[in-house]
C-alpha atoms as a PDB file:
ATOM      1  CA  UNK A   1       0.015   0.016  -0.020  1.00  0.00           C
ATOM      2  CA  UNK A   2       1.136   3.549  -0.750  1.00  0.00           C
ATOM      3  CA  UNK A   3      -0.220   6.761   0.864  1.00  0.00           C
ATOM      4  CA  UNK A   4      -0.558   9.956  -1.163  1.00  0.00           C
ATOM      5  CA  UNK A   5      -1.994  13.355  -0.574  1.00  0.00           C
ATOM      6  CA  UNK A   6      -3.996  14.529  -3.545  1.00  0.00           C
ATOM      7  CA  UNK A   7      -2.853  18.000  -4.804  1.00  0.00           C
ATOM      8  CA  UNK A   8      -5.471  18.522  -7.509  1.00  0.00           C
ATOM      9  CA  UNK A   9      -7.803  20.669  -5.386  1.00  0.00           C
ATOM     10  CA  UNK A  10      -7.599  22.416  -2.008  1.00  0.00           C
ATOM     11  CA  UNK A  11      -9.244  19.552  -0.090  1.00  0.00           C
ATOM     12  CA  UNK A  12      -5.940  17.540  -0.067  1.00  0.00           C
ATOM     13  CA  UNK A  13      -7.532  14.104   0.299  1.00  0.00           C
ATOM     14  CA  UNK A  14      -5.410  11.377   1.980  1.00  0.00           C
ATOM     15  CA  UNK A  15      -5.348   8.622  -0.611  1.00  0.00           C
ATOM     16  CA  UNK A  16      -4.529   4.981  -0.078  1.00  0.00           C
ATOM     17  CA  UNK A  17      -3.404   3.111  -3.156  1.00  0.00           C
ATOM     18  CA  UNK A  18      -3.212  -0.668  -3.406  1.00  0.00           C
ATOM     19  CA  UNK A  19      -2.321  -2.842  -6.369  1.00  0.00           C
ATOM     20  CA  UNK A  20      -5.153  -5.204  -7.250  1.00  0.00           C
ATOM     21  CA  UNK A  21      -4.548  -8.808  -8.158  1.00  0.00           C
ATOM     22  CA  UNK A  22      -5.364  -8.038 -11.803  1.00  0.00           C
ATOM     23  CA  UNK A  23      -2.833  -5.199 -11.913  1.00  0.00           C
ATOM     24  CA  UNK A  24      -5.402  -2.432 -11.500  1.00  0.00           C
ATOM     25  CA  UNK A  25      -4.996   0.134  -8.761  1.00  0.00           C
ATOM     26  CA  UNK A  26      -7.501   0.316  -5.951  1.00  0.00           C
ATOM     27  CA  UNK A  27      -7.758   3.854  -4.639  1.00  0.00           C
ATOM     28  CA  UNK A  28      -9.498   4.887  -1.458  1.00  0.00           C
ATOM     29  CA  UNK A  29      -9.962   8.237   0.340  1.00  0.00           C
ATOM     30  CA  UNK A  30     -10.735  10.479  -2.640  1.00  0.00           C
ATOM     31  CA  UNK A  31     -13.701  12.767  -2.211  1.00  0.00           C
ATOM     32  CA  UNK A  32     -13.953  13.531  -5.944  1.00  0.00           C
ATOM     33  CA  UNK A  33     -13.142  11.683  -9.206  1.00  0.00           C
ATOM     34  CA  UNK A  34     -10.083  13.876  -9.783  1.00  0.00           C
ATOM     35  CA  UNK A  35      -8.299  12.171  -6.855  1.00  0.00           C
ATOM     36  CA  UNK A  36      -8.633   8.788  -8.657  1.00  0.00           C
ATOM     37  CA  UNK A  37      -7.080  10.278 -11.827  1.00  0.00           C
ATOM     38  CA  UNK A  38      -4.327  11.892  -9.816  1.00  0.00           C
ATOM     39  CA  UNK A  39      -3.415   8.691  -7.972  1.00  0.00           C
ATOM     40  CA  UNK A  40      -3.393   6.661 -11.209  1.00  0.00           C
ATOM     41  CA  UNK A  41      -1.024   9.092 -12.847  1.00  0.00           C
ATOM     42  CA  UNK A  42       1.189   9.581  -9.811  1.00  0.00           C
ATOM     43  CA  UNK A  43       1.745   5.876  -9.465  1.00  0.00           C
ATOM     44  CA  UNK A  44       2.036   4.940 -13.143  1.00  0.00           C
ATOM     45  CA  UNK A  45       3.695   7.954 -14.718  1.00  0.00           C
ATOM     46  CA  UNK A  46       4.326  10.898 -12.378  1.00  0.00           C
ATOM     47  CA  UNK A  47       4.691  14.290 -14.032  1.00  0.00           C
ATOM     48  CA  UNK A  48       5.745  17.690 -12.761  1.00  0.00           C
ATOM     49  CA  UNK A  49       5.807  21.308 -13.988  1.00  0.00           C
ATOM     50  CA  UNK A  50       9.480  22.282 -14.122  1.00  0.00           C
ATOM     51  CA  UNK A  51      10.729  25.695 -13.128  1.00  0.00           C
ATOM     52  CA  UNK A  52      14.251  26.954 -13.527  1.00  0.00           C
ATOM     53  CA  UNK A  53      16.294  29.839 -14.832  1.00  0.00           C
ATOM     54  CA  UNK A  54      18.074  30.228 -18.220  1.00  0.00           C
ATOM     55  CA  UNK A  55      21.094  32.351 -19.033  1.00  0.00           C
ATOM     56  CA  UNK A  56      20.821  35.668 -20.837  1.00  0.00           C
ATOM     57  CA  UNK A  57      23.246  36.382 -23.683  1.00  0.00           C
ATOM     58  CA  UNK A  58      23.462  40.060 -22.950  1.00  0.00           C
ATOM     59  CA  UNK A  59      23.028  40.230 -19.218  1.00  0.00           C
ATOM     60  CA  UNK A  60      23.034  43.456 -17.310  1.00  0.00           C
ATOM     61  CA  UNK A  61      24.756  43.903 -13.979  1.00  0.00           C
ATOM     62  CA  UNK A  62      21.525  43.230 -12.116  1.00  0.00           C
ATOM     63  CA  UNK A  63      19.799  40.639 -14.396  1.00  0.00           C
ATOM     64  CA  UNK A  64      21.756  37.656 -15.649  1.00  0.00           C
ATOM     65  CA  UNK A  65      19.074  34.975 -15.851  1.00  0.00           C
ATOM     66  CA  UNK A  66      15.475  34.701 -16.978  1.00  0.00           C
ATOM     67  CA  UNK A  67      12.948  32.567 -15.048  1.00  0.00           C
ATOM     68  CA  UNK A  68      11.322  29.835 -17.116  1.00  0.00           C
ATOM     69  CA  UNK A  69       8.833  26.982 -16.772  1.00  0.00           C
ATOM     70  CA  UNK A  70       7.432  24.161 -18.772  1.00  0.00           C
ATOM     71  CA  UNK A  71       4.076  24.738 -20.517  1.00  0.00           C
ATOM     72  CA  UNK A  72       2.896  21.280 -19.533  1.00  0.00           C
ATOM     73  CA  UNK A  73       4.070  18.715 -16.946  1.00  0.00           C
ATOM     74  CA  UNK A  74       7.149  16.656 -17.776  1.00  0.00           C
ATOM     75  CA  UNK A  75       7.582  12.969 -16.877  1.00  0.00           C
ATOM     76  CA  UNK A  76       9.613  12.844 -13.629  1.00  0.00           C
ATOM     77  CA  UNK A  77      12.351  10.595 -15.011  1.00  0.00           C
ATOM     78  CA  UNK A  78      12.977  13.099 -17.891  1.00  0.00           C
ATOM     79  CA  UNK A  79      13.386  16.137 -15.633  1.00  0.00           C
ATOM     80  CA  UNK A  80      17.178  15.887 -15.208  1.00  0.00           C
ATOM     81  CA  UNK A  81      17.752  15.879 -18.987  1.00  0.00           C
ATOM     82  CA  UNK A  82      15.286  18.790 -19.428  1.00  0.00           C
ATOM     83  CA  UNK A  83      17.056  20.819 -16.733  1.00  0.00           C
ATOM     84  CA  UNK A  84      20.461  20.123 -18.410  1.00  0.00           C
ATOM     85  CA  UNK A  85      19.069  21.582 -21.694  1.00  0.00           C
ATOM     86  CA  UNK A  86      17.541  24.569 -19.904  1.00  0.00           C
ATOM     87  CA  UNK A  87      20.822  25.366 -18.224  1.00  0.00           C
ATOM     88  CA  UNK A  88      22.652  25.186 -21.602  1.00  0.00           C
ATOM     89  CA  UNK A  89      20.309  27.507 -23.495  1.00  0.00           C
ATOM     90  CA  UNK A  90      21.261  31.193 -23.973  1.00  0.00           C
ATOM     91  CA  UNK A  91      18.347  33.615 -24.329  1.00  0.00           C
ATOM     92  CA  UNK A  92      18.744  36.876 -26.229  1.00  0.00           C
ATOM     93  CA  UNK A  93      16.984  40.055 -25.205  1.00  0.00           C
ATOM     94  CA  UNK A  94      14.307  41.240 -25.366  1.00  0.00           C
ATOM     95  CA  UNK A  95      12.296  38.347 -24.028  1.00  0.00           C
ATOM     96  CA  UNK A  96       8.621  38.515 -23.089  1.00  0.00           C
ATOM     97  CA  UNK A  97       6.697  36.473 -20.601  1.00  0.00           C
ATOM     98  CA  UNK A  98       5.273  33.455 -22.528  1.00  0.00           C
ATOM     99  CA  UNK A  99       7.985  33.412 -25.218  1.00  0.00           C
ATOM    100  CA  UNK A 100       9.282  29.913 -25.939  1.00  0.00           C
ATOM    101  CA  UNK A 101      12.872  29.556 -24.832  1.00  0.00           C
ATOM    102  CA  UNK A 102      12.872  25.937 -25.956  1.00  0.00           C
ATOM    103  CA  UNK A 103      10.061  24.811 -28.293  1.00  0.00           C
ATOM    104  CA  UNK A 104       8.808  21.269 -28.319  1.00  0.00           C
ATOM    105  CA  UNK A 105      11.678  19.816 -26.215  1.00  0.00           C
ATOM    106  CA  UNK A 106      12.878  16.574 -27.816  1.00  0.00           C
ATOM    107  CA  UNK A 107       9.519  16.108 -29.572  1.00  0.00           C
ATOM    108  CA  UNK A 108       7.715  15.654 -26.226  1.00  0.00           C
ATOM    109  CA  UNK A 109       5.297  18.536 -26.756  1.00  0.00           C
ATOM    110  CA  UNK A 110       6.889  20.444 -23.882  1.00  0.00           C
ATOM    111  CA  UNK A 111       7.672  24.141 -24.406  1.00  0.00           C
ATOM    112  CA  UNK A 112       9.909  25.949 -21.956  1.00  0.00           C
ATOM    113  CA  UNK A 113       8.620  29.498 -21.699  1.00  0.00           C
ATOM    114  CA  UNK A 114       9.896  32.684 -20.062  1.00  0.00           C
ATOM    115  CA  UNK A 115       7.858  33.755 -17.056  1.00  0.00           C
ATOM    116  CA  UNK A 116       9.140  37.318 -16.960  1.00  0.00           C
ATOM    117  CA  UNK A 117       9.534  40.071 -19.514  1.00  0.00           C
ATOM    118  CA  UNK A 118      13.044  41.431 -19.735  1.00  0.00           C
ATOM    119  CA  UNK A 119      13.928  44.204 -22.258  1.00  0.00           C
END
């Protein structure tokens, strides 16, 4: 058995997840259907939104990096490779919040976008 806290809504249901004999997961404790979906994904293929900073090509004395995040969650096991690529990228100014710093990372459908406008 594995215990999880659902993070989909503010309730924060305490979930208990057991593997059934047929390979299906048995989930208890969710107060809404979203908890079931969350637990299934968290056990089978956990994903996370990734936040980081990327280097600026022409940095000023006060701003040397631009904050970025993924547009969609990334599989947890691929996060180290994604972070490596984010830390290697050099962003040129101006950059606007929402601009893709990395588009469709490795064909995964994940864009890395700036979260701050810097001119």
